[in-house]
Amino acid sequence: VHGAYSELAGKNLYPDSKSIPCKT
């Protein structure tokens, strides 16, 4: 579930670069 959290936070902080947070 760690990936989901990172994806959510990334989409909010980096909606244009959701690919980075999603991978991390």
PDB file of N, CA and C in Angstrom:
ATOM      1  N   VAL A   1       0.842  -1.202   0.000  1.00  0.00           N
ATOM      2  CA  VAL A   1       0.000   0.000   0.000  1.00  0.00           C
ATOM      3  C   VAL A   1       0.877   1.252   0.000  1.00  0.00           C
ATOM      4  N   HIS A   2       2.183   1.056   0.094  1.00  0.00           N
ATOM      5  CA  HIS A   2       3.102   2.194   0.130  1.00  0.00           C
ATOM      6  C   HIS A   2       3.063   2.952  -1.196  1.00  0.00           C
ATOM      7  N   GLY A   3       2.967   2.192  -2.272  1.00  0.00           N
ATOM      8  CA  GLY A   3       2.942   2.806  -3.597  1.00  0.00           C
ATOM      9  C   GLY A   3       1.720   3.695  -3.774  1.00  0.00           C
ATOM     10  N   ALA A   4       0.585   3.261  -3.219  1.00  0.00           N
ATOM     11  CA  ALA A   4      -0.653   4.030  -3.352  1.00  0.00           C
ATOM     12  C   ALA A   4      -0.507   5.375  -2.649  1.00  0.00           C
ATOM     13  N   TYR A   5       0.107   5.353  -1.469  1.00  0.00           N
ATOM     14  CA  TYR A   5       0.280   6.591  -0.705  1.00  0.00           C
ATOM     15  C   TYR A   5       1.174   7.564  -1.475  1.00  0.00           C
ATOM     16  N   SER A   6       2.264   7.037  -1.989  1.00  0.00           N
ATOM     17  CA  SER A   6       3.209   7.864  -2.747  1.00  0.00           C
ATOM     18  C   SER A   6       2.536   8.439  -3.988  1.00  0.00           C
ATOM     19  N   GLU A   7       1.709   7.616  -4.616  1.00  0.00           N
ATOM     20  CA  GLU A   7       1.024   8.059  -5.837  1.00  0.00           C
ATOM     21  C   GLU A   7       0.055   9.185  -5.508  1.00  0.00           C
ATOM     22  N   LEU A   8      -0.650   9.040  -4.394  1.00  0.00           N
ATOM     23  CA  LEU A   8      -1.629  10.050  -3.986  1.00  0.00           C
ATOM     24  C   LEU A   8      -0.923  11.358  -3.662  1.00  0.00           C
ATOM     25  N   ALA A   9       0.133  11.274  -2.890  1.00  0.00           N
ATOM     26  CA  ALA A   9       0.880  12.468  -2.498  1.00  0.00           C
ATOM     27  C   ALA A   9       1.523  13.106  -3.726  1.00  0.00           C
ATOM     28  N   GLY A  10       2.033  12.268  -4.608  1.00  0.00           N
ATOM     29  CA  GLY A  10       2.676  12.769  -5.822  1.00  0.00           C
ATOM     30  C   GLY A  10       1.683  13.480  -6.723  1.00  0.00           C
ATOM     31  N   LYS A  11       0.485  12.921  -6.835  1.00  0.00           N
ATOM     32  CA  LYS A  11      -0.545  13.532  -7.702  1.00  0.00           C
ATOM     33  C   LYS A  11      -0.948  14.896  -7.166  1.00  0.00           C
ATOM     34  N   ASN A  12      -0.908  15.049  -5.853  1.00  0.00           N
ATOM     35  CA  ASN A  12      -1.294  16.319  -5.238  1.00  0.00           C
ATOM     36  C   ASN A  12      -0.149  17.328  -5.313  1.00  0.00           C
ATOM     37  N   LEU A  13       1.086  16.823  -5.163  1.00  0.00           N
ATOM     38  CA  LEU A  13       2.246  17.710  -5.181  1.00  0.00           C
ATOM     39  C   LEU A  13       2.827  17.820  -6.589  1.00  0.00           C
ATOM     40  N   TYR A  14       2.827  16.674  -7.293  1.00  0.00           N
ATOM     41  CA  TYR A  14       3.379  16.667  -8.649  1.00  0.00           C
ATOM     42  C   TYR A  14       2.393  16.045  -9.635  1.00  0.00           C
ATOM     43  N   PRO A  15       1.292  16.720  -9.894  1.00  0.00           N
ATOM     44  CA  PRO A  15       0.276  16.212 -10.820  1.00  0.00           C
ATOM     45  C   PRO A  15       0.839  16.083 -12.236  1.00  0.00           C
ATOM     46  N   ASP A  16       1.865  16.871 -12.515  1.00  0.00           N
ATOM     47  CA  ASP A  16       2.457  16.841 -13.850  1.00  0.00           C
ATOM     48  C   ASP A  16       3.558  15.778 -13.931  1.00  0.00           C
ATOM     49  N   SER A  17       4.081  15.394 -12.765  1.00  0.00           N
ATOM     50  CA  SER A  17       5.157  14.396 -12.736  1.00  0.00           C
ATOM     51  C   SER A  17       4.776  13.253 -11.819  1.00  0.00           C
ATOM     52  N   LYS A  18       3.541  12.811 -11.935  1.00  0.00           N
ATOM     53  CA  LYS A  18       3.051  11.710 -11.091  1.00  0.00           C
ATOM     54  C   LYS A  18       3.843  10.436 -11.351  1.00  0.00           C
ATOM     55  N   SER A  19       4.594  10.425 -12.441  1.00  0.00           N
ATOM     56  CA  SER A  19       5.387   9.243 -12.785  1.00  0.00           C
ATOM     57  C   SER A  19       6.531   9.052 -11.785  1.00  0.00           C
ATOM     58  N   ILE A  20       7.092  10.165 -11.314  1.00  0.00           N
ATOM     59  CA  ILE A  20       8.214  10.088 -10.368  1.00  0.00           C
ATOM     60  C   ILE A  20       7.753   9.535  -9.012  1.00  0.00           C
ATOM     61  N   PRO A  21       6.776  10.176  -8.382  1.00  0.00           N
ATOM     62  CA  PRO A  21       6.302   9.701  -7.072  1.00  0.00           C
ATOM     63  C   PRO A  21       5.705   8.307  -7.142  1.00  0.00           C
ATOM     64  N   CYS A  22       5.101   8.001  -8.268  1.00  0.00           N
ATOM     65  CA  CYS A  22       4.475   6.689  -8.433  1.00  0.00           C
ATOM     66  C   CYS A  22       5.544   5.597  -8.397  1.00  0.00           C
ATOM     67  N   LYS A  23       6.671   5.875  -9.032  1.00  0.00           N
ATOM     68  CA  LYS A  23       7.761   4.894  -9.062  1.00  0.00           C
ATOM     69  C   LYS A  23       8.407   4.796  -7.680  1.00  0.00           C
ATOM     70  N   THR A  24       8.550   5.930  -7.043  1.00  0.00           N
ATOM     71  CA  THR A  24       9.146   5.948  -5.706  1.00  0.00           C
ATOM     72  C   THR A  24       8.108   5.400  -4.761  1.00  0.00           C
TER      73      THR A  24
END
